């Protein structure tokens, strides 16, 4: 007969408990990283349409049309005046965004108009159906600055609701139009290279106008 103390059975149980609590500790340690990874994988509206064009012109690697040099107007009411065309690249960028929306490669959000043609919009953003862009396009007049006006309009002979406060997803934008070289970003952040918006104003890295 072999006599035992009865404590031999605790060995495997303690190992199981140690493994269980070790696993819980690992989950608690990794949870912030896992949560951030999951949240980053969800497509959310986090970039205004004006910031998109400012990013494409100032911080992306995409080649856009360059503004023409300032010139003296020879004809019309502005004859003799120095005319500047700072926003050519932004117009080109907006056209490329419109193409991506038409192709369905970009998601978009906006505040839908409640009463047609009265500039009354919903308070919250909603996803814009991708088929919407078959009947509508962006309105250039209001897409180069943050505006509560309608930033979309119906195509000719089409019926379409209007949306204000157009938003896109930053990750999607940066995957379509890759960031430029790091050295350029550093020089721009140091204001050695000047970022400009559609209106020719100097802007900071958050695309807000720099006060003189």
N, C-alpha and C. Protein backbone atom coordinates (compact mmCIF):
# COMPACT_ATOMS: atom_id res chain seq x y z
N UNK A 1 0.85 -1.19 0.00
CA UNK A 1 0.00 0.00 0.00
C UNK A 1 0.89 1.24 0.00
N UNK A 2 0.53 2.23 -0.83
CA UNK A 2 1.29 3.48 -0.91
C UNK A 2 0.48 4.56 -0.24
N UNK A 3 1.10 5.17 0.75
CA UNK A 3 0.42 6.25 1.47
C UNK A 3 0.71 7.59 0.80
N UNK A 4 -0.32 8.42 0.65
CA UNK A 4 -0.16 9.76 0.05
C UNK A 4 -0.75 10.79 1.00
N UNK A 5 -0.35 12.01 0.81
CA UNK A 5 -0.84 13.11 1.66
C UNK A 5 -2.10 13.74 1.09
N UNK A 6 -2.43 13.46 -0.18
CA UNK A 6 -3.61 14.06 -0.79
C UNK A 6 -3.33 15.37 -1.49
N UNK A 7 -2.08 15.89 -1.36
CA UNK A 7 -1.75 17.16 -1.99
C UNK A 7 -1.19 17.00 -3.40
N UNK A 8 -0.94 15.75 -3.82
CA UNK A 8 -0.35 15.55 -5.14
C UNK A 8 -1.28 16.03 -6.26
N UNK A 9 -2.60 16.01 -6.02
CA UNK A 9 -3.54 16.42 -7.07
C UNK A 9 -3.52 17.92 -7.30
N UNK A 10 -2.98 18.70 -6.35
CA UNK A 10 -2.96 20.16 -6.51
C UNK A 10 -1.95 20.62 -7.56
N UNK A 11 -0.98 19.83 -7.85
CA UNK A 11 0.06 20.23 -8.80
C UNK A 11 -0.51 20.61 -10.17
N UNK A 12 -1.22 19.68 -10.84
CA UNK A 12 -1.78 20.03 -12.15
C UNK A 12 -2.79 21.18 -12.08
N UNK A 13 -3.57 21.24 -10.98
CA UNK A 13 -4.56 22.31 -10.86
C UNK A 13 -3.89 23.67 -10.77
N UNK A 14 -2.80 23.74 -10.00
CA UNK A 14 -2.09 25.00 -9.88
C UNK A 14 -1.49 25.42 -11.21
N UNK A 15 -1.02 24.45 -11.99
CA UNK A 15 -0.48 24.77 -13.31
C UNK A 15 -1.57 25.34 -14.23
N UNK A 16 -2.77 24.72 -14.17
CA UNK A 16 -3.88 25.21 -14.98
C UNK A 16 -4.27 26.63 -14.56
N UNK A 17 -4.33 26.88 -13.24
CA UNK A 17 -4.69 28.21 -12.75
C UNK A 17 -3.65 29.24 -13.17
N UNK A 18 -2.36 28.86 -13.07
CA UNK A 18 -1.29 29.78 -13.45
C UNK A 18 -1.38 30.11 -14.94
N UNK A 19 -1.66 29.08 -15.76
CA UNK A 19 -1.79 29.31 -17.20
C UNK A 19 -3.00 30.21 -17.51
N UNK A 20 -4.11 29.97 -16.78
CA UNK A 20 -5.32 30.76 -17.01
C UNK A 20 -5.09 32.22 -16.69
N UNK A 21 -4.51 32.50 -15.50
CA UNK A 21 -4.27 33.88 -15.11
C UNK A 21 -3.19 34.54 -15.97
N UNK A 22 -2.24 33.74 -16.44
CA UNK A 22 -1.24 34.27 -17.37
C UNK A 22 -1.88 34.69 -18.69
N UNK A 23 -2.84 33.87 -19.15
CA UNK A 23 -3.55 34.21 -20.38
C UNK A 23 -4.37 35.49 -20.21
N UNK A 24 -5.06 35.61 -19.05
CA UNK A 24 -5.84 36.81 -18.78
C UNK A 24 -4.94 38.05 -18.72
N UNK A 25 -3.79 37.92 -18.10
CA UNK A 25 -2.85 39.03 -18.01
C UNK A 25 -2.39 39.46 -19.41
N UNK A 26 -2.14 38.48 -20.27
CA UNK A 26 -1.71 38.78 -21.63
C UNK A 26 -2.80 39.53 -22.40
N UNK A 27 -4.06 39.08 -22.23
CA UNK A 27 -5.18 39.74 -22.90
C UNK A 27 -5.32 41.19 -22.41
N UNK A 28 -5.20 41.38 -21.09
CA UNK A 28 -5.31 42.74 -20.53
C UNK A 28 -4.19 43.63 -21.05
N UNK A 29 -3.00 43.06 -21.22
CA UNK A 29 -1.87 43.84 -21.72
C UNK A 29 -2.06 44.22 -23.18
N UNK A 30 -2.57 43.27 -23.98
CA UNK A 30 -2.70 43.50 -25.41
C UNK A 30 -3.99 44.20 -25.80
N UNK A 31 -4.94 44.29 -24.88
CA UNK A 31 -6.27 44.82 -25.23
C UNK A 31 -6.23 46.22 -25.85
N UNK A 32 -5.47 47.18 -25.29
CA UNK A 32 -5.44 48.50 -25.92
C UNK A 32 -4.96 48.46 -27.37
N UNK A 33 -3.96 47.60 -27.66
CA UNK A 33 -3.45 47.49 -29.02
C UNK A 33 -4.48 46.83 -29.93
N UNK A 34 -5.14 45.77 -29.42
CA UNK A 34 -6.16 45.09 -30.22
C UNK A 34 -7.34 46.01 -30.48
N UNK A 35 -7.75 46.79 -29.47
CA UNK A 35 -8.87 47.70 -29.62
C UNK A 35 -8.55 48.77 -30.65
N UNK A 36 -7.32 49.31 -30.60
CA UNK A 36 -6.92 50.33 -31.56
C UNK A 36 -6.88 49.76 -32.97
N UNK A 37 -6.42 48.54 -33.09
CA UNK A 37 -6.34 47.91 -34.41
C UNK A 37 -7.73 47.69 -35.00
N UNK A 38 -8.67 47.26 -34.16
CA UNK A 38 -10.04 47.04 -34.63
C UNK A 38 -10.69 48.37 -35.04
N UNK A 39 -10.49 49.40 -34.19
CA UNK A 39 -11.10 50.69 -34.50
C UNK A 39 -10.50 51.29 -35.76
N UNK A 40 -9.20 51.06 -36.00
CA UNK A 40 -8.57 51.58 -37.21
C UNK A 40 -9.06 50.86 -38.46
N UNK A 41 -9.54 49.63 -38.30
CA UNK A 41 -10.01 48.87 -39.46
C UNK A 41 -11.43 49.27 -39.87
N UNK A 42 -12.13 50.01 -38.99
CA UNK A 42 -13.48 50.46 -39.31
C UNK A 42 -13.39 51.75 -40.11
N UNK A 43 -14.05 51.78 -41.25
CA UNK A 43 -14.03 52.96 -42.11
C UNK A 43 -14.92 54.03 -41.51
N UNK A 44 -14.32 55.16 -41.12
CA UNK A 44 -15.06 56.23 -40.48
C UNK A 44 -14.81 57.55 -41.20
N UNK A 45 -15.76 58.49 -41.13
CA UNK A 45 -15.54 59.81 -41.72
C UNK A 45 -14.63 60.65 -40.83
N UNK A 46 -13.42 60.95 -41.29
CA UNK A 46 -12.48 61.68 -40.45
C UNK A 46 -11.67 62.71 -41.22
N UNK A 47 -12.11 63.08 -42.44
CA UNK A 47 -11.36 64.05 -43.24
C UNK A 47 -12.33 64.84 -44.10
N UNK A 48 -12.34 66.17 -43.93
CA UNK A 48 -13.23 66.99 -44.74
C UNK A 48 -12.76 67.03 -46.19
N UNK A 49 -13.66 67.36 -47.08
CA UNK A 49 -13.31 67.39 -48.50
C UNK A 49 -12.26 68.46 -48.77
N UNK A 50 -12.32 69.59 -48.05
CA UNK A 50 -11.30 70.63 -48.25
C UNK A 50 -9.93 70.17 -47.76
N UNK A 51 -9.90 69.41 -46.66
CA UNK A 51 -8.64 68.87 -46.17
C UNK A 51 -8.08 67.83 -47.14
N UNK A 52 -8.95 67.10 -47.80
CA UNK A 52 -8.49 66.12 -48.80
C UNK A 52 -7.74 66.81 -49.92
N UNK A 53 -8.32 67.88 -50.47
CA UNK A 53 -7.64 68.57 -51.57
C UNK A 53 -6.36 69.25 -51.08
N UNK A 54 -6.38 69.80 -49.86
CA UNK A 54 -5.16 70.40 -49.32
C UNK A 54 -4.07 69.36 -49.12
N UNK A 55 -4.45 68.17 -48.66
CA UNK A 55 -3.48 67.08 -48.50
C UNK A 55 -2.90 66.69 -49.86
N UNK A 56 -3.76 66.51 -50.86
CA UNK A 56 -3.29 66.06 -52.16
C UNK A 56 -2.33 67.06 -52.80
N UNK A 57 -2.61 68.35 -52.62
CA UNK A 57 -1.77 69.38 -53.22
C UNK A 57 -0.46 69.53 -52.46
N UNK A 58 -0.52 69.51 -51.13
CA UNK A 58 0.64 69.87 -50.32
C UNK A 58 1.45 68.71 -49.77
N UNK A 59 0.81 67.57 -49.52
CA UNK A 59 1.49 66.51 -48.78
C UNK A 59 1.48 65.14 -49.46
N UNK A 60 0.86 65.01 -50.62
CA UNK A 60 0.83 63.71 -51.29
C UNK A 60 1.88 63.67 -52.39
N UNK A 61 2.06 62.48 -52.94
CA UNK A 61 3.03 62.30 -54.02
C UNK A 61 2.39 62.38 -55.40
N UNK A 62 1.08 62.65 -55.46
CA UNK A 62 0.39 62.70 -56.74
C UNK A 62 0.80 63.96 -57.50
N UNK A 63 0.97 63.82 -58.82
CA UNK A 63 1.35 64.95 -59.67
C UNK A 63 0.08 65.63 -60.17
N UNK A 64 -0.09 66.87 -59.78
CA UNK A 64 -1.28 67.65 -60.14
C UNK A 64 -0.89 68.81 -61.04
N UNK A 65 -1.88 69.41 -61.64
CA UNK A 65 -1.63 70.60 -62.46
C UNK A 65 -1.07 71.71 -61.59
N UNK A 66 -0.12 72.46 -62.16
CA UNK A 66 0.52 73.54 -61.43
C UNK A 66 -0.16 74.88 -61.74
N UNK A 67 -0.24 75.76 -60.74
CA UNK A 67 -0.82 77.09 -61.00
C UNK A 67 -0.01 77.85 -62.05
N UNK A 68 -0.71 78.60 -62.86
CA UNK A 68 -0.02 79.45 -63.81
C UNK A 68 0.63 80.63 -63.09
N UNK A 69 1.75 81.15 -63.63
CA UNK A 69 2.34 82.34 -63.02
C UNK A 69 1.37 83.52 -63.09
N UNK A 70 1.48 84.40 -62.12
CA UNK A 70 0.65 85.62 -62.14
C UNK A 70 0.94 86.41 -63.41
N UNK A 71 -0.11 86.96 -63.99
CA UNK A 71 0.04 87.70 -65.25
C UNK A 71 -0.90 88.89 -65.29
N UNK A 72 -0.56 89.85 -66.12
CA UNK A 72 -1.38 91.04 -66.30
C UNK A 72 -2.52 90.71 -67.26
N UNK A 73 -3.74 90.91 -66.81
CA UNK A 73 -4.90 90.65 -67.66
C UNK A 73 -4.92 91.65 -68.81
N UNK A 74 -5.13 91.12 -70.02
CA UNK A 74 -5.08 91.96 -71.22
C UNK A 74 -6.45 92.39 -71.69
N UNK A 75 -7.50 91.69 -71.25
CA UNK A 75 -8.83 91.98 -71.76
C UNK A 75 -9.84 92.00 -70.62
N UNK A 76 -11.03 92.49 -70.90
CA UNK A 76 -12.14 92.42 -69.97
C UNK A 76 -12.07 93.45 -68.86
N UNK A 77 -12.99 93.32 -67.89
CA UNK A 77 -13.08 94.30 -66.79
C UNK A 77 -11.81 94.36 -65.94
N UNK A 78 -11.05 93.25 -65.89
CA UNK A 78 -9.84 93.21 -65.07
C UNK A 78 -8.59 93.60 -65.86
N UNK A 79 -8.76 94.19 -67.03
CA UNK A 79 -7.62 94.56 -67.86
C UNK A 79 -6.65 95.46 -67.09
N UNK A 80 -5.37 95.08 -67.16
CA UNK A 80 -4.34 95.85 -66.48
C UNK A 80 -4.05 95.40 -65.06
N UNK A 81 -4.89 94.50 -64.53
CA UNK A 81 -4.69 94.01 -63.17
C UNK A 81 -3.84 92.74 -63.16
N UNK A 82 -3.10 92.55 -62.07
CA UNK A 82 -2.30 91.33 -61.91
C UNK A 82 -3.21 90.21 -61.45
N UNK A 83 -3.35 89.19 -62.26
CA UNK A 83 -4.25 88.07 -61.97
C UNK A 83 -3.44 86.86 -61.53
N UNK A 84 -3.84 86.27 -60.43
CA UNK A 84 -3.17 85.09 -59.90
C UNK A 84 -4.14 83.91 -59.92
N UNK A 85 -3.63 82.70 -60.18
CA UNK A 85 -4.46 81.50 -60.26
C UNK A 85 -3.92 80.45 -59.30
N UNK A 86 -4.12 80.61 -57.99
CA UNK A 86 -3.48 79.71 -57.02
C UNK A 86 -4.11 78.33 -56.90
N UNK A 87 -5.39 78.18 -57.29
CA UNK A 87 -6.11 76.95 -56.95
C UNK A 87 -6.20 75.90 -58.03
N UNK A 88 -5.35 75.99 -59.07
CA UNK A 88 -5.44 75.02 -60.17
C UNK A 88 -5.22 73.60 -59.70
N UNK A 89 -4.23 73.41 -58.83
CA UNK A 89 -3.95 72.07 -58.31
C UNK A 89 -5.09 71.52 -57.48
N UNK A 90 -5.75 72.37 -56.72
CA UNK A 90 -6.88 71.93 -55.90
C UNK A 90 -8.07 71.51 -56.78
N UNK A 91 -8.29 72.25 -57.86
CA UNK A 91 -9.36 71.88 -58.79
C UNK A 91 -9.06 70.51 -59.41
N UNK A 92 -7.80 70.29 -59.79
CA UNK A 92 -7.40 69.00 -60.34
C UNK A 92 -7.57 67.89 -59.30
N UNK A 93 -7.21 68.17 -58.05
CA UNK A 93 -7.37 67.18 -56.98
C UNK A 93 -8.83 66.83 -56.77
N UNK A 94 -9.70 67.85 -56.77
CA UNK A 94 -11.13 67.59 -56.57
C UNK A 94 -11.69 66.75 -57.70
N UNK A 95 -11.22 66.98 -58.93
CA UNK A 95 -11.67 66.17 -60.06
C UNK A 95 -11.27 64.71 -59.89
N UNK A 96 -10.10 64.47 -59.34
CA UNK A 96 -9.65 63.08 -59.11
C UNK A 96 -10.47 62.42 -58.00
N UNK A 97 -10.82 63.20 -56.98
CA UNK A 97 -11.68 62.66 -55.94
C UNK A 97 -13.04 62.31 -56.51
N UNK A 98 -13.57 63.18 -57.38
CA UNK A 98 -14.86 62.90 -58.00
C UNK A 98 -14.81 61.62 -58.82
N UNK A 99 -13.72 61.41 -59.53
CA UNK A 99 -13.56 60.17 -60.31
C UNK A 99 -13.57 58.95 -59.39
N UNK A 100 -12.87 59.05 -58.25
CA UNK A 100 -12.83 57.93 -57.30
C UNK A 100 -14.21 57.67 -56.71
N UNK A 101 -14.98 58.73 -56.45
CA UNK A 101 -16.35 58.55 -55.96
C UNK A 101 -17.21 57.90 -57.02
N UNK A 102 -17.05 58.34 -58.26
CA UNK A 102 -17.84 57.75 -59.36
C UNK A 102 -17.53 56.27 -59.53
N UNK A 103 -16.26 55.90 -59.31
CA UNK A 103 -15.84 54.51 -59.49
C UNK A 103 -16.18 53.64 -58.28
N UNK A 104 -16.61 54.26 -57.19
CA UNK A 104 -16.94 53.50 -55.99
C UNK A 104 -15.75 53.09 -55.16
N UNK A 105 -14.57 53.71 -55.39
CA UNK A 105 -13.38 53.34 -54.63
C UNK A 105 -13.23 54.17 -53.35
N UNK A 106 -14.08 55.16 -53.17
CA UNK A 106 -14.06 55.98 -51.95
C UNK A 106 -15.43 55.96 -51.30
N UNK A 107 -15.44 55.85 -49.98
CA UNK A 107 -16.68 56.04 -49.22
C UNK A 107 -16.82 57.52 -48.89
N UNK A 108 -18.05 57.97 -48.73
CA UNK A 108 -18.28 59.37 -48.40
C UNK A 108 -19.47 59.49 -47.44
N UNK A 109 -19.47 60.60 -46.71
CA UNK A 109 -20.53 60.89 -45.74
C UNK A 109 -20.91 62.36 -45.88
N UNK A 110 -22.11 62.70 -45.44
CA UNK A 110 -22.53 64.09 -45.46
C UNK A 110 -23.82 64.28 -44.68
N UNK A 111 -24.21 65.54 -44.52
CA UNK A 111 -25.49 65.87 -43.88
C UNK A 111 -26.52 66.10 -44.98
N UNK A 112 -27.52 65.26 -45.04
CA UNK A 112 -28.50 65.29 -46.13
C UNK A 112 -29.46 66.47 -45.96
N UNK A 113 -29.83 67.06 -47.08
CA UNK A 113 -30.76 68.18 -47.06
C UNK A 113 -32.15 67.69 -46.67
N UNK A 114 -32.80 68.43 -45.77
CA UNK A 114 -34.13 68.05 -45.29
C UNK A 114 -35.22 68.60 -46.20
N UNK A 115 -35.13 69.90 -46.48
CA UNK A 115 -36.09 70.56 -47.36
C UNK A 115 -35.34 71.02 -48.60
N UNK A 116 -35.68 70.53 -49.79
CA UNK A 116 -34.94 70.87 -51.01
C UNK A 116 -34.82 72.37 -51.22
N UNK A 117 -33.56 72.77 -51.54
CA UNK A 117 -33.25 74.14 -51.96
C UNK A 117 -33.45 75.19 -50.87
N UNK A 118 -33.56 74.77 -49.62
CA UNK A 118 -33.69 75.74 -48.52
C UNK A 118 -32.48 75.70 -47.58
N UNK A 119 -31.44 74.99 -47.99
CA UNK A 119 -30.20 74.90 -47.20
C UNK A 119 -30.48 74.49 -45.76
N UNK A 120 -31.41 73.56 -45.59
CA UNK A 120 -31.72 73.00 -44.27
C UNK A 120 -31.28 71.54 -44.27
N UNK A 121 -30.30 71.22 -43.41
CA UNK A 121 -29.67 69.90 -43.46
C UNK A 121 -29.81 69.17 -42.13
N UNK A 122 -29.71 67.86 -42.19
CA UNK A 122 -29.72 67.05 -40.98
C UNK A 122 -28.54 67.43 -40.08
N UNK A 123 -28.69 67.16 -38.80
CA UNK A 123 -27.65 67.53 -37.85
C UNK A 123 -26.49 66.54 -37.84
N UNK A 124 -26.75 65.30 -38.23
CA UNK A 124 -25.72 64.27 -38.16
C UNK A 124 -25.34 63.78 -39.55
N UNK A 125 -24.13 63.22 -39.64
CA UNK A 125 -23.64 62.66 -40.89
C UNK A 125 -24.32 61.33 -41.16
N UNK A 126 -24.46 61.01 -42.43
CA UNK A 126 -24.93 59.70 -42.84
C UNK A 126 -24.10 59.25 -44.05
N UNK A 127 -23.90 57.93 -44.22
CA UNK A 127 -23.19 57.45 -45.40
C UNK A 127 -23.94 57.83 -46.68
N UNK A 128 -23.20 58.25 -47.67
CA UNK A 128 -23.79 58.58 -48.97
C UNK A 128 -23.72 57.32 -49.84
N UNK A 129 -24.86 56.82 -50.32
CA UNK A 129 -24.83 55.61 -51.16
C UNK A 129 -23.94 55.83 -52.39
N UNK A 130 -23.20 54.81 -52.75
CA UNK A 130 -22.26 54.95 -53.87
C UNK A 130 -22.99 55.20 -55.18
N UNK A 131 -24.21 54.69 -55.31
CA UNK A 131 -24.96 54.95 -56.54
C UNK A 131 -25.43 56.39 -56.64
N UNK A 132 -25.34 57.12 -55.54
CA UNK A 132 -25.74 58.54 -55.54
C UNK A 132 -24.96 59.32 -56.58
N UNK A 133 -23.66 58.96 -56.74
CA UNK A 133 -22.79 59.72 -57.63
C UNK A 133 -23.09 59.48 -59.10
N UNK A 134 -24.03 58.59 -59.39
CA UNK A 134 -24.48 58.45 -60.78
C UNK A 134 -25.42 59.60 -61.18
N UNK A 135 -25.96 60.28 -60.18
CA UNK A 135 -26.91 61.37 -60.45
C UNK A 135 -26.45 62.71 -59.90
N UNK A 136 -25.31 62.76 -59.25
CA UNK A 136 -24.87 63.99 -58.62
C UNK A 136 -23.35 64.11 -58.69
N UNK A 137 -22.87 65.31 -58.36
CA UNK A 137 -21.43 65.56 -58.32
C UNK A 137 -21.16 66.60 -57.24
N UNK A 138 -19.89 66.82 -56.95
CA UNK A 138 -19.53 67.83 -55.97
C UNK A 138 -19.65 69.23 -56.57
N UNK A 139 -19.97 70.18 -55.72
CA UNK A 139 -20.10 71.58 -56.13
C UNK A 139 -18.79 72.31 -55.82
N UNK A 140 -18.05 72.65 -56.86
CA UNK A 140 -16.72 73.27 -56.67
C UNK A 140 -16.77 74.56 -55.85
N UNK A 141 -17.87 75.25 -55.87
CA UNK A 141 -17.94 76.55 -55.20
C UNK A 141 -17.78 76.43 -53.69
N UNK A 142 -18.14 75.28 -53.12
CA UNK A 142 -18.17 75.16 -51.66
C UNK A 142 -17.29 74.03 -51.13
N UNK A 143 -16.46 73.42 -51.98
CA UNK A 143 -15.67 72.26 -51.54
C UNK A 143 -14.25 72.60 -51.12
N UNK A 144 -13.84 73.84 -51.27
CA UNK A 144 -12.46 74.19 -50.95
C UNK A 144 -12.33 74.90 -49.61
N UNK A 145 -13.43 74.94 -48.85
CA UNK A 145 -13.39 75.46 -47.49
C UNK A 145 -14.51 74.78 -46.71
N UNK A 146 -14.38 74.79 -45.40
CA UNK A 146 -15.42 74.18 -44.56
C UNK A 146 -16.68 75.03 -44.64
N UNK A 147 -17.75 74.42 -45.10
CA UNK A 147 -18.96 75.18 -45.36
C UNK A 147 -20.19 74.40 -44.93
N UNK A 148 -21.20 75.14 -44.49
CA UNK A 148 -22.49 74.52 -44.18
C UNK A 148 -23.44 74.57 -45.37
N UNK A 149 -22.93 75.06 -46.49
CA UNK A 149 -23.72 75.08 -47.71
C UNK A 149 -23.67 73.71 -48.38
N UNK A 150 -24.57 73.48 -49.33
CA UNK A 150 -24.58 72.21 -50.05
C UNK A 150 -23.29 72.06 -50.84
N UNK A 151 -22.60 70.97 -50.62
CA UNK A 151 -21.35 70.71 -51.34
C UNK A 151 -21.54 69.71 -52.48
N UNK A 152 -22.76 69.28 -52.71
CA UNK A 152 -23.08 68.45 -53.87
C UNK A 152 -24.25 69.07 -54.61
N UNK A 153 -24.43 68.65 -55.85
CA UNK A 153 -25.56 69.12 -56.66
C UNK A 153 -25.92 68.05 -57.68
N UNK A 154 -27.15 68.10 -58.13
CA UNK A 154 -27.63 67.11 -59.11
C UNK A 154 -27.01 67.38 -60.47
N UNK A 155 -26.76 66.32 -61.21
CA UNK A 155 -26.32 66.45 -62.60
C UNK A 155 -27.48 66.95 -63.46
N UNK A 156 -27.20 67.53 -64.61
CA UNK A 156 -28.28 68.01 -65.48
C UNK A 156 -29.29 66.91 -65.80
N UNK A 157 -30.55 67.26 -65.71
CA UNK A 157 -31.66 66.35 -66.01
C UNK A 157 -31.72 65.15 -65.06
N UNK A 158 -31.15 65.31 -63.87
CA UNK A 158 -31.21 64.26 -62.85
C UNK A 158 -31.80 64.84 -61.57
N UNK A 159 -32.42 63.98 -60.78
CA UNK A 159 -32.91 64.36 -59.47
C UNK A 159 -32.03 63.72 -58.40
N UNK A 160 -31.50 64.54 -57.51
CA UNK A 160 -30.64 64.01 -56.45
C UNK A 160 -30.68 64.95 -55.26
N UNK A 161 -30.68 64.35 -54.07
CA UNK A 161 -30.60 65.15 -52.85
C UNK A 161 -29.24 65.82 -52.76
N UNK A 162 -29.19 66.89 -51.99
CA UNK A 162 -27.92 67.57 -51.79
C UNK A 162 -27.38 67.24 -50.39
N UNK A 163 -26.05 67.30 -50.26
CA UNK A 163 -25.38 67.04 -48.99
C UNK A 163 -24.43 68.18 -48.65
N UNK A 164 -24.34 68.48 -47.36
CA UNK A 164 -23.37 69.44 -46.85
C UNK A 164 -22.34 68.71 -45.99
N UNK A 165 -21.24 69.41 -45.67
CA UNK A 165 -20.19 68.86 -44.80
C UNK A 165 -19.71 67.50 -45.28
N UNK A 166 -19.29 67.43 -46.52
CA UNK A 166 -18.77 66.18 -47.08
C UNK A 166 -17.54 65.71 -46.31
N UNK A 167 -17.50 64.41 -45.99
CA UNK A 167 -16.38 63.81 -45.28
C UNK A 167 -15.95 62.55 -46.00
N UNK A 168 -14.64 62.29 -45.96
CA UNK A 168 -14.07 61.05 -46.50
C UNK A 168 -13.28 60.36 -45.39
N UNK A 169 -12.69 59.23 -45.72
CA UNK A 169 -11.89 58.48 -44.77
C UNK A 169 -10.41 58.68 -45.08
N UNK A 170 -9.65 59.12 -44.07
CA UNK A 170 -8.24 59.46 -44.26
C UNK A 170 -7.42 58.27 -44.78
N UNK A 171 -7.68 57.09 -44.23
CA UNK A 171 -6.91 55.91 -44.64
C UNK A 171 -7.15 55.59 -46.11
N UNK A 172 -8.40 55.68 -46.56
CA UNK A 172 -8.70 55.43 -47.96
C UNK A 172 -8.02 56.47 -48.85
N UNK A 173 -8.08 57.74 -48.42
CA UNK A 173 -7.47 58.81 -49.21
C UNK A 173 -5.97 58.59 -49.35
N UNK A 174 -5.32 58.27 -48.24
CA UNK A 174 -3.86 58.10 -48.28
C UNK A 174 -3.44 56.83 -49.02
N UNK A 175 -4.35 55.85 -49.11
CA UNK A 175 -4.01 54.65 -49.87
C UNK A 175 -4.15 54.90 -51.37
N UNK A 176 -5.07 55.77 -51.75
CA UNK A 176 -5.22 56.12 -53.18
C UNK A 176 -4.16 57.10 -53.64
N UNK A 177 -3.85 58.08 -52.78
CA UNK A 177 -2.85 59.10 -53.11
C UNK A 177 -1.82 59.10 -52.00
N UNK A 178 -0.75 58.39 -52.23
CA UNK A 178 0.25 58.13 -51.19
C UNK A 178 0.90 59.43 -50.71
N UNK A 179 1.31 59.45 -49.42
CA UNK A 179 2.02 60.63 -48.92
C UNK A 179 3.33 60.86 -49.67
N UNK A 180 3.74 62.13 -49.71
CA UNK A 180 5.01 62.47 -50.33
C UNK A 180 6.18 62.08 -49.46
N UNK A 181 7.40 62.41 -49.88
CA UNK A 181 8.59 62.03 -49.11
C UNK A 181 8.61 62.70 -47.74
N UNK A 182 9.22 62.01 -46.78
CA UNK A 182 9.25 62.48 -45.40
C UNK A 182 9.98 63.81 -45.29
N UNK A 183 11.06 64.00 -46.07
CA UNK A 183 11.83 65.24 -45.97
C UNK A 183 10.98 66.45 -46.34
N UNK A 184 10.06 66.25 -47.31
CA UNK A 184 9.20 67.36 -47.70
C UNK A 184 8.22 67.72 -46.57
N UNK A 185 7.68 66.69 -45.92
CA UNK A 185 6.77 66.94 -44.79
C UNK A 185 7.48 67.69 -43.67
N UNK A 186 8.73 67.28 -43.36
CA UNK A 186 9.48 67.94 -42.30
C UNK A 186 9.72 69.41 -42.64
N UNK A 187 10.12 69.68 -43.89
CA UNK A 187 10.35 71.06 -44.30
C UNK A 187 9.07 71.88 -44.27
N UNK A 188 7.94 71.23 -44.63
CA UNK A 188 6.67 71.94 -44.59
C UNK A 188 6.24 72.21 -43.15
N UNK A 189 6.47 71.24 -42.25
CA UNK A 189 6.12 71.44 -40.84
C UNK A 189 6.96 72.56 -40.22
N UNK A 190 8.19 72.73 -40.73
CA UNK A 190 9.07 73.80 -40.25
C UNK A 190 8.81 75.11 -40.98
N UNK A 191 7.82 75.10 -41.88
CA UNK A 191 7.44 76.29 -42.67
C UNK A 191 8.55 76.75 -43.61
N UNK A 192 9.50 75.86 -43.93
CA UNK A 192 10.51 76.18 -44.95
C UNK A 192 9.88 76.04 -46.33
N UNK A 193 9.07 74.99 -46.49
CA UNK A 193 8.21 74.87 -47.67
C UNK A 193 6.80 75.29 -47.22
N UNK A 194 6.19 76.16 -47.99
CA UNK A 194 4.90 76.72 -47.59
C UNK A 194 3.75 75.88 -48.16
N UNK A 195 2.84 75.47 -47.28
CA UNK A 195 1.59 74.87 -47.72
C UNK A 195 0.60 75.99 -48.06
N UNK A 196 -0.20 75.77 -49.11
CA UNK A 196 -1.20 76.76 -49.49
C UNK A 196 -2.54 76.09 -49.74
N UNK A 197 -3.62 76.81 -49.46
CA UNK A 197 -4.94 76.31 -49.77
C UNK A 197 -5.39 76.80 -51.14
N UNK A 198 -6.62 76.53 -51.49
CA UNK A 198 -7.17 76.90 -52.81
C UNK A 198 -7.08 78.40 -53.05
N UNK A 199 -7.21 79.20 -52.01
CA UNK A 199 -7.25 80.64 -52.14
C UNK A 199 -5.86 81.28 -52.09
N UNK A 200 -4.83 80.45 -52.01
CA UNK A 200 -3.47 80.97 -51.96
C UNK A 200 -3.01 81.37 -50.58
N UNK A 201 -3.81 81.08 -49.54
CA UNK A 201 -3.42 81.40 -48.17
C UNK A 201 -2.45 80.34 -47.64
N UNK A 202 -1.51 80.77 -46.81
CA UNK A 202 -0.61 79.83 -46.16
C UNK A 202 -1.38 79.08 -45.08
N UNK A 203 -1.14 77.77 -44.99
CA UNK A 203 -1.85 76.93 -44.03
C UNK A 203 -0.84 76.09 -43.25
N UNK A 204 -1.25 75.65 -42.04
CA UNK A 204 -0.37 74.82 -41.23
C UNK A 204 -0.57 73.34 -41.55
N UNK A 205 0.04 72.47 -40.74
CA UNK A 205 -0.02 71.04 -41.02
C UNK A 205 -1.42 70.47 -40.80
N UNK A 206 -2.29 71.22 -40.11
CA UNK A 206 -3.67 70.80 -39.93
C UNK A 206 -4.58 71.43 -40.99
N UNK A 207 -3.96 72.12 -41.94
CA UNK A 207 -4.65 72.77 -43.07
C UNK A 207 -5.53 73.93 -42.63
N UNK A 208 -5.20 74.54 -41.50
CA UNK A 208 -5.89 75.75 -41.06
C UNK A 208 -5.07 76.97 -41.50
N UNK A 209 -5.73 78.05 -41.92
CA UNK A 209 -4.98 79.25 -42.34
C UNK A 209 -4.07 79.77 -41.23
N UNK A 210 -2.89 80.19 -41.62
CA UNK A 210 -1.94 80.77 -40.67
C UNK A 210 -2.23 82.26 -40.56
N UNK A 211 -2.46 82.71 -39.34
CA UNK A 211 -2.74 84.13 -39.14
C UNK A 211 -1.48 84.94 -39.27
N UNK A 212 -1.59 86.04 -39.98
CA UNK A 212 -0.43 86.91 -40.20
C UNK A 212 0.00 87.59 -38.90
